[in-house]
Amino acid sequence: MEIFLTGGSGYVGGVVLEHLRAAGHRVRALARSERAAEQVAGRGAEPVRGALGDLGVLRAEAERADAVVHTAVDYADPAMAEVEGPALEAMLVGKPFVYTSTGLVYGPGQRGEDAPVDPGTAAQPHKVLGERAVLAAGGTVLRAPLVHGRGGSGLLLGLLAFGRAQKVVPYLGDGEQTWSAVHVDDLADLFVLALEKPQPGRIFNAASGDTFRIGQLARVIAERAGGDAVSLSPEQAPPQLGVLARDGGMDGSLARETFGWAPSRPALLDDVRGPAYDAA
């Protein structure tokens, strides 16, 4: 197949690109800069110069492709909600479509794909809206938990950098909040399967079965950073750490049963302790 990919120069998208090429698919990848174009070309894709705001480019590429994979996202960009909606409208042209979402769409106590999600309770409300658009158009949604591996992940790198600079790694409350994780290569395997075994209009948790507690993660990172894990109250925590108060592992059994997905890479805590994060 010929795939149009957004986010191919990013952390998740770059690994997805590699796996698509290894599976024999041709990839045309959106690249908003010369550096991004060089990165996607180096991974075997044909660069398409443009950004998510270039709706004509997006529509033309989606119409040309056999399928579309959308991994481009910047959770720290407050304008992402305004950018992604029109971009999805341009790319949803009736072709198989795989959309990258997040477990942060779940509200308190929610776990399964059938639970109704609401922008009012989601930590990433624009992803709820994106899911709705994709599902209505017959696309497939993959909800990723905390992604790790290959020395990447914004949250992990941020906590490591903070720990090295401040000699403390924060967590909230008692640190017993349960999260799920997935290795980026296992996640990329699932993207390929979702393209090759289409499931229109369905949602899948891309959770490998690896769960951990936030306090455990803080202690492992503190050990790597040469600092101490420190509990903060919600009132003490800066706003960007508020997400650490969320609790809820994700069940990925539906993805394993439907696609034959078999995650096999290291679990999060072992991975962070290991050589993949030596240079992080």
C-alpha atoms as a PDB file:
ATOM      1  CA  MET A   1       0.000   0.000   0.000  1.00  0.00           C
ATOM      2  CA  GLU A   2       0.953   3.637  -0.361  1.00  0.00           C
ATOM      3  CA  ILE A   3       0.529   5.358   3.004  1.00  0.00           C
ATOM      4  CA  PHE A   4       0.299   9.059   3.710  1.00  0.00           C
ATOM      5  CA  LEU A   5       1.814   9.673   7.156  1.00  0.00           C
ATOM      6  CA  THR A   6       1.774  12.757   9.350  1.00  0.00           C
ATOM      7  CA  GLY A   7       4.284  13.099  12.172  1.00  0.00           C
ATOM      8  CA  GLY A   8       6.923  10.970  10.460  1.00  0.00           C
ATOM      9  CA  SER A   9       9.791  13.041  11.844  1.00  0.00           C
ATOM     10  CA  GLY A  10       8.462  12.764  15.406  1.00  0.00           C
ATOM     11  CA  TYR A  11       9.052  10.241  18.147  1.00  0.00           C
ATOM     12  CA  VAL A  12       6.132   7.854  17.588  1.00  0.00           C
ATOM     13  CA  GLY A  13       5.643   8.650  13.910  1.00  0.00           C
ATOM     14  CA  GLY A  14       9.276   8.052  13.075  1.00  0.00           C
ATOM     15  CA  VAL A  15       9.166   4.542  14.488  1.00  0.00           C
ATOM     16  CA  VAL A  16       5.811   3.889  12.792  1.00  0.00           C
ATOM     17  CA  LEU A  17       7.431   4.972   9.517  1.00  0.00           C
ATOM     18  CA  GLU A  18      10.262   2.473   9.997  1.00  0.00           C
ATOM     19  CA  HIS A  19       7.819  -0.348  10.696  1.00  0.00           C
ATOM     20  CA  LEU A  20       5.652   0.524   7.696  1.00  0.00           C
ATOM     21  CA  ARG A  21       8.682   0.433   5.424  1.00  0.00           C
ATOM     22  CA  ALA A  22       9.866  -2.854   6.962  1.00  0.00           C
ATOM     23  CA  ALA A  23       6.435  -4.323   6.210  1.00  0.00           C
ATOM     24  CA  GLY A  24       6.841  -3.377   2.548  1.00  0.00           C
ATOM     25  CA  HIS A  25       4.588  -0.323   2.380  1.00  0.00           C
ATOM     26  CA  ARG A  26       5.449   2.832   0.460  1.00  0.00           C
ATOM     27  CA  VAL A  27       5.241   5.973   2.590  1.00  0.00           C
ATOM     28  CA  ARG A  28       4.806   9.623   1.718  1.00  0.00           C
ATOM     29  CA  ALA A  29       5.402  11.637   4.897  1.00  0.00           C
ATOM     30  CA  LEU A  30       4.424  15.210   5.714  1.00  0.00           C
ATOM     31  CA  ALA A  31       7.478  17.357   6.524  1.00  0.00           C
ATOM     32  CA  ARG A  32       7.139  20.967   7.638  1.00  0.00           C
ATOM     33  CA  SER A  33      10.875  21.806   7.448  1.00  0.00           C
ATOM     34  CA  GLU A  34      13.977  20.847   5.503  1.00  0.00           C
ATOM     35  CA  ARG A  35      15.296  19.040   8.565  1.00  0.00           C
ATOM     36  CA  ALA A  36      12.066  17.033   8.899  1.00  0.00           C
ATOM     37  CA  ALA A  37      12.235  16.191   5.192  1.00  0.00           C
ATOM     38  CA  GLU A  38      15.765  14.865   5.623  1.00  0.00           C
ATOM     39  CA  GLN A  39      14.681  12.791   8.626  1.00  0.00           C
ATOM     40  CA  VAL A  40      11.763  11.090   6.884  1.00  0.00           C
ATOM     41  CA  ALA A  41      13.818  10.530   3.737  1.00  0.00           C
ATOM     42  CA  GLY A  42      16.490   8.895   5.876  1.00  0.00           C
ATOM     43  CA  ARG A  43      13.861   6.462   7.140  1.00  0.00           C
ATOM     44  CA  GLY A  44      12.805   5.534   3.630  1.00  0.00           C
ATOM     45  CA  ALA A  45       9.804   7.819   3.019  1.00  0.00           C
ATOM     46  CA  GLU A  46       9.188  10.341   0.286  1.00  0.00           C
ATOM     47  CA  PRO A  47       8.897  13.757   1.946  1.00  0.00           C
ATOM     48  CA  VAL A  48       5.844  15.927   1.280  1.00  0.00           C
ATOM     49  CA  ARG A  49       6.579  19.519   2.237  1.00  0.00           C
ATOM     50  CA  GLY A  50       3.810  21.062   4.304  1.00  0.00           C
ATOM     51  CA  ALA A  51       2.258  21.385   7.747  1.00  0.00           C
ATOM     52  CA  LEU A  52      -1.056  20.438   9.338  1.00  0.00           C
ATOM     53  CA  GLY A  53      -2.370  23.858   8.401  1.00  0.00           C
ATOM     54  CA  ASP A  54      -1.810  23.226   4.681  1.00  0.00           C
ATOM     55  CA  LEU A  55      -5.236  21.745   4.048  1.00  0.00           C
ATOM     56  CA  GLY A  56      -4.881  21.501   0.297  1.00  0.00           C
ATOM     57  CA  VAL A  57      -1.722  19.437   0.653  1.00  0.00           C
ATOM     58  CA  LEU A  58      -3.358  17.166   3.196  1.00  0.00           C
ATOM     59  CA  ARG A  59      -6.441  16.578   1.074  1.00  0.00           C
ATOM     60  CA  ALA A  60      -4.439  15.880  -2.097  1.00  0.00           C
ATOM     61  CA  GLU A  61      -2.150  13.420  -0.338  1.00  0.00           C
ATOM     62  CA  ALA A  62      -5.040  11.632   1.385  1.00  0.00           C
ATOM     63  CA  GLU A  63      -6.869  11.271  -1.922  1.00  0.00           C
ATOM     64  CA  ARG A  64      -3.731   9.919  -3.600  1.00  0.00           C
ATOM     65  CA  ALA A  65      -2.897   7.407  -0.853  1.00  0.00           C
ATOM     66  CA  ASP A  66      -4.329   3.959  -0.207  1.00  0.00           C
ATOM     67  CA  ALA A  67      -4.506   4.762   3.526  1.00  0.00           C
ATOM     68  CA  VAL A  68      -3.652   7.549   5.984  1.00  0.00           C
ATOM     69  CA  VAL A  69      -1.894   7.362   9.346  1.00  0.00           C
ATOM     70  CA  HIS A  70      -2.074  10.461  11.553  1.00  0.00           C
ATOM     71  CA  THR A  71       0.554  10.535  14.305  1.00  0.00           C
ATOM     72  CA  ALA A  72       1.364  14.259  14.323  1.00  0.00           C
ATOM     73  CA  VAL A  73       0.496  15.852  17.647  1.00  0.00           C
ATOM     74  CA  ASP A  74       1.949  18.376  20.068  1.00  0.00           C
ATOM     75  CA  TYR A  75       0.244  18.038  23.435  1.00  0.00           C
ATOM     76  CA  ALA A  76       2.016  21.146  24.723  1.00  0.00           C
ATOM     77  CA  ASP A  77       0.694  23.352  21.916  1.00  0.00           C
ATOM     78  CA  PRO A  78      -2.462  25.156  23.062  1.00  0.00           C
ATOM     79  CA  ALA A  79      -3.398  25.744  19.412  1.00  0.00           C
ATOM     80  CA  MET A  80      -3.407  22.048  18.551  1.00  0.00           C
ATOM     81  CA  ALA A  81      -7.187  21.773  18.947  1.00  0.00           C
ATOM     82  CA  GLU A  82      -7.740  24.520  16.369  1.00  0.00           C
ATOM     83  CA  VAL A  83      -5.193  22.965  13.996  1.00  0.00           C
ATOM     84  CA  GLU A  84      -6.176  19.312  14.175  1.00  0.00           C
ATOM     85  CA  GLY A  85      -9.905  19.654  13.519  1.00  0.00           C
ATOM     86  CA  PRO A  86      -9.579  21.180  10.026  1.00  0.00           C
ATOM     87  CA  ALA A  87      -6.635  18.882   9.264  1.00  0.00           C
ATOM     88  CA  LEU A  88      -8.739  15.810   9.993  1.00  0.00           C
ATOM     89  CA  GLU A  89     -11.598  17.153   7.885  1.00  0.00           C
ATOM     90  CA  ALA A  90      -9.156  17.518   4.979  1.00  0.00           C
ATOM     91  CA  MET A  91      -7.669  14.028   5.364  1.00  0.00           C
ATOM     92  CA  LEU A  92     -10.859  12.045   6.010  1.00  0.00           C
ATOM     93  CA  VAL A  93     -11.674  11.356   2.374  1.00  0.00           C
ATOM     94  CA  GLY A  94     -13.012   7.811   2.637  1.00  0.00           C
ATOM     95  CA  LYS A  95      -9.676   6.007   2.756  1.00  0.00           C
ATOM     96  CA  PRO A  96      -8.634   3.673   5.609  1.00  0.00           C
ATOM     97  CA  PHE A  97      -7.476   5.980   8.395  1.00  0.00           C
ATOM     98  CA  VAL A  98      -5.586   5.244  11.624  1.00  0.00           C
ATOM     99  CA  TYR A  99      -5.700   7.965  14.275  1.00  0.00           C
ATOM    100  CA  THR A 100      -3.332   8.339  17.205  1.00  0.00           C
ATOM    101  CA  SER A 101      -5.207   9.108  20.396  1.00  0.00           C
ATOM    102  CA  THR A 102      -4.309   8.799  24.060  1.00  0.00           C
ATOM    103  CA  GLY A 103      -5.471   7.246  27.306  1.00  0.00           C
ATOM    104  CA  LEU A 104      -5.781  10.824  28.553  1.00  0.00           C
ATOM    105  CA  VAL A 105      -9.221  10.959  26.941  1.00  0.00           C
ATOM    106  CA  TYR A 106     -10.550   8.754  29.757  1.00  0.00           C
ATOM    107  CA  GLY A 107     -12.241  10.329  32.734  1.00  0.00           C
ATOM    108  CA  PRO A 108     -11.865   9.166  36.342  1.00  0.00           C
ATOM    109  CA  GLY A 109     -12.422   5.440  36.766  1.00  0.00           C
ATOM    110  CA  GLN A 110     -12.741   4.720  33.041  1.00  0.00           C
ATOM    111  CA  ARG A 111     -10.741   1.884  31.457  1.00  0.00           C
ATOM    112  CA  GLY A 112     -12.392   0.239  28.457  1.00  0.00           C
ATOM    113  CA  GLU A 113     -12.944   1.235  24.859  1.00  0.00           C
ATOM    114  CA  ASP A 114     -16.724   1.209  25.330  1.00  0.00           C
ATOM    115  CA  ALA A 115     -16.691   3.857  28.076  1.00  0.00           C
ATOM    116  CA  PRO A 116     -18.124   7.155  26.806  1.00  0.00           C
ATOM    117  CA  VAL A 117     -15.484   9.886  26.892  1.00  0.00           C
ATOM    118  CA  ASP A 118     -16.189  13.575  27.297  1.00  0.00           C
ATOM    119  CA  PRO A 119     -14.100  16.658  26.457  1.00  0.00           C
ATOM    120  CA  GLY A 120     -15.123  18.091  29.823  1.00  0.00           C
ATOM    121  CA  THR A 121     -13.325  15.377  31.804  1.00  0.00           C
ATOM    122  CA  ALA A 122     -10.492  14.466  29.427  1.00  0.00           C
ATOM    123  CA  ALA A 123      -6.968  15.772  29.987  1.00  0.00           C
ATOM    124  CA  GLN A 124      -6.742  16.100  26.195  1.00  0.00           C
ATOM    125  CA  PRO A 125     -10.215  17.249  25.121  1.00  0.00           C
ATOM    126  CA  HIS A 126      -9.248  17.889  21.493  1.00  0.00           C
ATOM    127  CA  LYS A 127      -8.402  14.198  21.154  1.00  0.00           C
ATOM    128  CA  VAL A 128     -11.978  13.307  22.118  1.00  0.00           C
ATOM    129  CA  LEU A 129     -13.214  15.552  19.321  1.00  0.00           C
ATOM    130  CA  GLY A 130     -10.670  14.072  16.920  1.00  0.00           C
ATOM    131  CA  GLU A 131     -11.781  10.550  17.784  1.00  0.00           C
ATOM    132  CA  ARG A 132     -15.402  11.422  17.090  1.00  0.00           C
ATOM    133  CA  ALA A 133     -14.567  12.792  13.649  1.00  0.00           C
ATOM    134  CA  VAL A 134     -12.447   9.776  12.736  1.00  0.00           C
ATOM    135  CA  LEU A 135     -14.978   7.217  13.960  1.00  0.00           C
ATOM    136  CA  ALA A 136     -17.828   8.956  12.134  1.00  0.00           C
ATOM    137  CA  ALA A 137     -15.781   8.691   8.932  1.00  0.00           C
ATOM    138  CA  GLY A 138     -15.063   4.985   9.452  1.00  0.00           C
ATOM    139  CA  GLY A 139     -11.479   5.323  10.663  1.00  0.00           C
ATOM    140  CA  THR A 140      -9.700   3.385  13.407  1.00  0.00           C
ATOM    141  CA  VAL A 141      -8.596   4.936  16.717  1.00  0.00           C
ATOM    142  CA  LEU A 142      -5.576   3.711  18.701  1.00  0.00           C
ATOM    143  CA  ARG A 143      -5.420   5.056  22.260  1.00  0.00           C
ATOM    144  CA  ALA A 144      -1.839   4.967  23.490  1.00  0.00           C
ATOM    145  CA  PRO A 145      -0.846   4.971  27.153  1.00  0.00           C
ATOM    146  CA  LEU A 146       2.596   6.291  28.203  1.00  0.00           C
ATOM    147  CA  VAL A 147       4.930   5.513  25.306  1.00  0.00           C
ATOM    148  CA  HIS A 148       8.574   4.708  26.001  1.00  0.00           C
ATOM    149  CA  GLY A 149      11.581   3.126  24.349  1.00  0.00           C
ATOM    150  CA  ARG A 150      14.586   4.165  22.271  1.00  0.00           C
ATOM    151  CA  GLY A 151      15.441   6.786  24.889  1.00  0.00           C
ATOM    152  CA  GLY A 152      12.353   8.852  24.105  1.00  0.00           C
ATOM    153  CA  SER A 153       9.022  10.134  25.496  1.00  0.00           C
ATOM    154  CA  GLY A 154       8.389  13.736  26.461  1.00  0.00           C
ATOM    155  CA  LEU A 155       7.264  12.943  30.026  1.00  0.00           C
ATOM    156  CA  LEU A 156      10.217  10.683  30.790  1.00  0.00           C
ATOM    157  CA  LEU A 157      12.791  13.035  29.296  1.00  0.00           C
ATOM    158  CA  GLY A 158      11.233  15.982  31.101  1.00  0.00           C
ATOM    159  CA  LEU A 159      11.349  14.221  34.470  1.00  0.00           C
ATOM    160  CA  LEU A 160      14.939  13.081  33.866  1.00  0.00           C
ATOM    161  CA  ALA A 161      16.039  16.604  32.953  1.00  0.00           C
ATOM    162  CA  PHE A 162      14.213  18.082  35.949  1.00  0.00           C
ATOM    163  CA  GLY A 163      15.747  15.486  38.267  1.00  0.00           C
ATOM    164  CA  ARG A 164      19.274  16.186  37.065  1.00  0.00           C
ATOM    165  CA  ALA A 165      18.814  19.942  37.354  1.00  0.00           C
ATOM    166  CA  GLN A 166      16.917  20.070  40.660  1.00  0.00           C
ATOM    167  CA  LYS A 167      18.010  16.760  42.253  1.00  0.00           C
ATOM    168  CA  VAL A 168      14.380  15.896  42.915  1.00  0.00           C
ATOM    169  CA  VAL A 169      11.764  14.055  40.866  1.00  0.00           C
ATOM    170  CA  PRO A 170       8.183  14.927  41.856  1.00  0.00           C
ATOM    171  CA  TYR A 171       5.112  12.748  42.034  1.00  0.00           C
ATOM    172  CA  LEU A 172       1.684  13.596  43.403  1.00  0.00           C
ATOM    173  CA  GLY A 173       0.153  12.370  46.645  1.00  0.00           C
ATOM    174  CA  ASP A 174       1.052   8.830  47.686  1.00  0.00           C
ATOM    175  CA  GLY A 175       2.262   7.904  44.196  1.00  0.00           C
ATOM    176  CA  GLU A 176      -0.112   4.949  43.990  1.00  0.00           C
ATOM    177  CA  GLN A 177      -1.753   6.164  40.776  1.00  0.00           C
ATOM    178  CA  THR A 178      -1.699   3.295  38.274  1.00  0.00           C
ATOM    179  CA  TRP A 179      -0.709   3.924  34.674  1.00  0.00           C
ATOM    180  CA  SER A 180      -0.175   1.718  31.641  1.00  0.00           C
ATOM    181  CA  ALA A 181       2.715   1.836  29.204  1.00  0.00           C
ATOM    182  CA  VAL A 182       3.683   0.600  25.760  1.00  0.00           C
ATOM    183  CA  HIS A 183       7.074   0.363  24.082  1.00  0.00           C
ATOM    184  CA  VAL A 184       7.221   2.511  20.948  1.00  0.00           C
ATOM    185  CA  ASP A 185       8.196  -0.467  18.766  1.00  0.00           C
ATOM    186  CA  ASP A 186       5.267  -2.526  20.062  1.00  0.00           C
ATOM    187  CA  LEU A 187       2.986   0.430  19.369  1.00  0.00           C
ATOM    188  CA  ALA A 188       4.349   0.710  15.821  1.00  0.00           C
ATOM    189  CA  ASP A 189       3.626  -2.985  15.289  1.00  0.00           C
ATOM    190  CA  LEU A 190      -0.010  -2.282  16.150  1.00  0.00           C
ATOM    191  CA  PHE A 191      -0.220   0.565  13.632  1.00  0.00           C
ATOM    192  CA  VAL A 192       0.893  -1.781  10.871  1.00  0.00           C
ATOM    193  CA  LEU A 193      -1.632  -4.410  11.950  1.00  0.00           C
ATOM    194  CA  ALA A 194      -4.422  -1.830  12.084  1.00  0.00           C
ATOM    195  CA  LEU A 195      -3.682  -0.925   8.463  1.00  0.00           C
ATOM    196  CA  GLU A 196      -3.362  -4.492   7.237  1.00  0.00           C
ATOM    197  CA  LYS A 197      -6.411  -5.766   9.144  1.00  0.00           C
ATOM    198  CA  PRO A 198      -8.823  -2.799   8.964  1.00  0.00           C
ATOM    199  CA  GLN A 199     -11.407  -2.328  11.698  1.00  0.00           C
ATOM    200  CA  PRO A 200     -13.485   0.659  10.542  1.00  0.00           C
ATOM    201  CA  GLY A 201     -15.176   2.730  13.213  1.00  0.00           C
ATOM    202  CA  ARG A 202     -13.517   0.997  16.147  1.00  0.00           C
ATOM    203  CA  ILE A 203     -11.347   2.047  19.102  1.00  0.00           C
ATOM    204  CA  PHE A 204      -8.465   0.032  20.551  1.00  0.00           C
ATOM    205  CA  ASN A 205      -6.369   0.588  23.653  1.00  0.00           C
ATOM    206  CA  ALA A 206      -2.742   0.249  22.574  1.00  0.00           C
ATOM    207  CA  ALA A 207      -1.696  -0.993  26.013  1.00  0.00           C
ATOM    208  CA  SER A 208       0.821  -3.816  26.178  1.00  0.00           C
ATOM    209  CA  GLY A 209      -0.243  -5.097  29.604  1.00  0.00           C
ATOM    210  CA  ASP A 210       2.603  -3.280  31.381  1.00  0.00           C
ATOM    211  CA  THR A 211       1.335  -1.290  34.368  1.00  0.00           C
ATOM    212  CA  PHE A 212       3.238   0.726  36.946  1.00  0.00           C
ATOM    213  CA  ARG A 213       2.663   3.232  39.732  1.00  0.00           C
ATOM    214  CA  ILE A 214       3.676   6.867  39.351  1.00  0.00           C
ATOM    215  CA  GLY A 215       5.672   6.728  42.584  1.00  0.00           C
ATOM    216  CA  GLN A 216       7.637   3.745  41.239  1.00  0.00           C
ATOM    217  CA  LEU A 217       8.478   5.645  38.078  1.00  0.00           C
ATOM    218  CA  ALA A 218       9.579   8.713  40.068  1.00  0.00           C
ATOM    219  CA  ARG A 219      11.914   6.587  42.179  1.00  0.00           C
ATOM    220  CA  VAL A 220      13.479   4.895  39.148  1.00  0.00           C
ATOM    221  CA  ILE A 221      14.002   8.237  37.417  1.00  0.00           C
ATOM    222  CA  ALA A 222      15.385   9.799  40.593  1.00  0.00           C
ATOM    223  CA  GLU A 223      17.905   6.970  40.846  1.00  0.00           C
ATOM    224  CA  ARG A 224      19.014   7.605  37.250  1.00  0.00           C
ATOM    225  CA  ALA A 225      19.114  11.373  37.769  1.00  0.00           C
ATOM    226  CA  GLY A 226      21.034  11.253  41.037  1.00  0.00           C
ATOM    227  CA  GLY A 227      18.239  12.817  43.054  1.00  0.00           C
ATOM    228  CA  ASP A 228      15.322  11.961  45.320  1.00  0.00           C
ATOM    229  CA  ALA A 229      11.684  11.193  44.556  1.00  0.00           C
ATOM    230  CA  VAL A 230       9.525  13.748  46.368  1.00  0.00           C
ATOM    231  CA  SER A 231       5.782  13.747  46.971  1.00  0.00           C
ATOM    232  CA  LEU A 232       3.873  16.940  46.236  1.00  0.00           C
ATOM    233  CA  SER A 233       0.312  17.827  47.083  1.00  0.00           C
ATOM    234  CA  PRO A 234      -1.914  18.932  44.176  1.00  0.00           C
ATOM    235  CA  GLU A 235      -1.644  22.474  45.524  1.00  0.00           C
ATOM    236  CA  GLN A 236       2.163  22.364  45.446  1.00  0.00           C
ATOM    237  CA  ALA A 237       2.469  20.888  41.968  1.00  0.00           C
ATOM    238  CA  PRO A 238       2.929  23.131  38.925  1.00  0.00           C
ATOM    239  CA  PRO A 239       0.036  22.896  36.440  1.00  0.00           C
ATOM    240  CA  GLN A 240       2.015  20.843  33.914  1.00  0.00           C
ATOM    241  CA  LEU A 241       2.388  18.044  36.480  1.00  0.00           C
ATOM    242  CA  GLY A 242      -1.333  17.846  37.237  1.00  0.00           C
ATOM    243  CA  VAL A 243      -1.675  14.933  34.814  1.00  0.00           C
ATOM    244  CA  LEU A 244       0.359  12.793  37.237  1.00  0.00           C
ATOM    245  CA  ALA A 245      -2.620  12.801  39.615  1.00  0.00           C
ATOM    246  CA  ARG A 246      -4.722  10.830  37.116  1.00  0.00           C
ATOM    247  CA  ASP A 247      -5.244   7.164  37.897  1.00  0.00           C
ATOM    248  CA  GLY A 248      -6.193   4.384  35.538  1.00  0.00           C
ATOM    249  CA  GLY A 249      -4.505   1.506  33.797  1.00  0.00           C
ATOM    250  CA  MET A 250      -5.694   0.519  30.320  1.00  0.00           C
ATOM    251  CA  ASP A 251      -6.751  -2.927  29.115  1.00  0.00           C
ATOM    252  CA  GLY A 252      -5.271  -3.759  25.712  1.00  0.00           C
ATOM    253  CA  SER A 253      -6.769  -7.237  25.383  1.00  0.00           C
ATOM    254  CA  LEU A 254      -9.143  -6.186  22.586  1.00  0.00           C
ATOM    255  CA  ALA A 255      -6.219  -5.150  20.382  1.00  0.00           C
ATOM    256  CA  ARG A 256      -4.427  -8.435  21.062  1.00  0.00           C
ATOM    257  CA  GLU A 257      -7.527 -10.520  20.335  1.00  0.00           C
ATOM    258  CA  THR A 258      -8.527  -8.595  17.209  1.00  0.00           C
ATOM    259  CA  PHE A 259      -5.176  -8.148  15.512  1.00  0.00           C
ATOM    260  CA  GLY A 260      -3.059 -10.903  17.008  1.00  0.00           C
ATOM    261  CA  TRP A 261      -0.879  -8.146  18.457  1.00  0.00           C
ATOM    262  CA  ALA A 262       1.906  -9.612  20.619  1.00  0.00           C
ATOM    263  CA  PRO A 263       3.879  -6.920  22.504  1.00  0.00           C
ATOM    264  CA  SER A 264       7.329  -8.252  23.381  1.00  0.00           C
ATOM    265  CA  ARG A 265       9.636  -5.343  24.205  1.00  0.00           C
ATOM    266  CA  PRO A 266      10.908  -4.385  27.694  1.00  0.00           C
ATOM    267  CA  ALA A 267       8.514  -3.033  30.310  1.00  0.00           C
ATOM    268  CA  LEU A 268       8.731   0.659  31.169  1.00  0.00           C
ATOM    269  CA  LEU A 269      10.617   0.510  34.475  1.00  0.00           C
ATOM    270  CA  ASP A 270      13.160  -1.979  33.108  1.00  0.00           C
ATOM    271  CA  ASP A 271      13.572   0.132  29.989  1.00  0.00           C
ATOM    272  CA  VAL A 272      14.220   3.348  31.938  1.00  0.00           C
ATOM    273  CA  ARG A 273      16.783   1.531  34.077  1.00  0.00           C
ATOM    274  CA  GLY A 274      18.509   0.142  30.997  1.00  0.00           C
ATOM    275  CA  PRO A 275      20.899   1.391  28.328  1.00  0.00           C
ATOM    276  CA  ALA A 276      18.197   2.936  26.124  1.00  0.00           C
ATOM    277  CA  TYR A 277      18.088   5.915  28.500  1.00  0.00           C
ATOM    278  CA  ASP A 278      21.827   6.212  29.203  1.00  0.00           C
ATOM    279  CA  ALA A 279      22.095   9.302  27.017  1.00  0.00           C
ATOM    280  CA  ALA A 280      18.741  10.782  27.976  1.00  0.00           C
END
